[in-house]
Amino acid sequence: MDQTREVREAREATLDMLAGAYQRRDLEVFEAAVRSDMTLTLTGSSRLAGTYRGYEAFGRYLEVLRQVMRSAEKPIGFSHREDVMVFKQLMVLAGPDEAAEMPLVVTIRYHADGRIQSFFVQPQQQDAFDRIVDASGVEMQGRLLGSG
C-alpha cells in the first residue's frame, strides 16, 4: 500500500523536528514521536555498534555519537513504503587522526500508532566509520540489548 503524500510529509517533518531537538539536546521532544520501547541498531564492529532499547539508552547513544559525528548539512534523500521510511544523510565523522564525510542510511520503522518503533543505522563506509569511532575513544555504557 502506497503512503499518502500527507503521511510522507508528516514523517519527514517529524524527522526534521527530531533533528532540531537533537541539536538543542531537547530529548523530551522524542517522547511524542518515538515509542518508549523503541530500538536503535547501529551496524558494524565499533564501540558504538549494537542494539539499544528505550529512551534512556537512546539518549545516551545520541550524546556519545555527537562527540564524533555531525551533519554535513547536505540534503537528505527519502524513500517511503508502508510502515518504513529510509533516509540518507551525509555526515562528518571526526576522530583524533582522521575525518571523513560519509553517508549514513537510516531505516525507520513505524508502529501502528504512527510513532517510531525502530531505527536501523548503517554507515555506507562501514570500515572507515568503525575505525574513526574506535580511534576517538568514545565509549557506550548501558547498552540494553546485544553488542554488535
Foldseek 3Di string as FASTA:
>chain_A
DDDDPVLVVVVVVLVVVVVVCLVVVNLVSLPVFAPQQAKEAEDAQALLGDMATGSVLVSLSSVLQVVFKDFPPDDKDWDDDDQKIKIKTWMWGAAPPDIDTWIKIWIWGADPVNHTRYIYIYTPPRVVVRVRRRRRVGHRPDRPDTGD
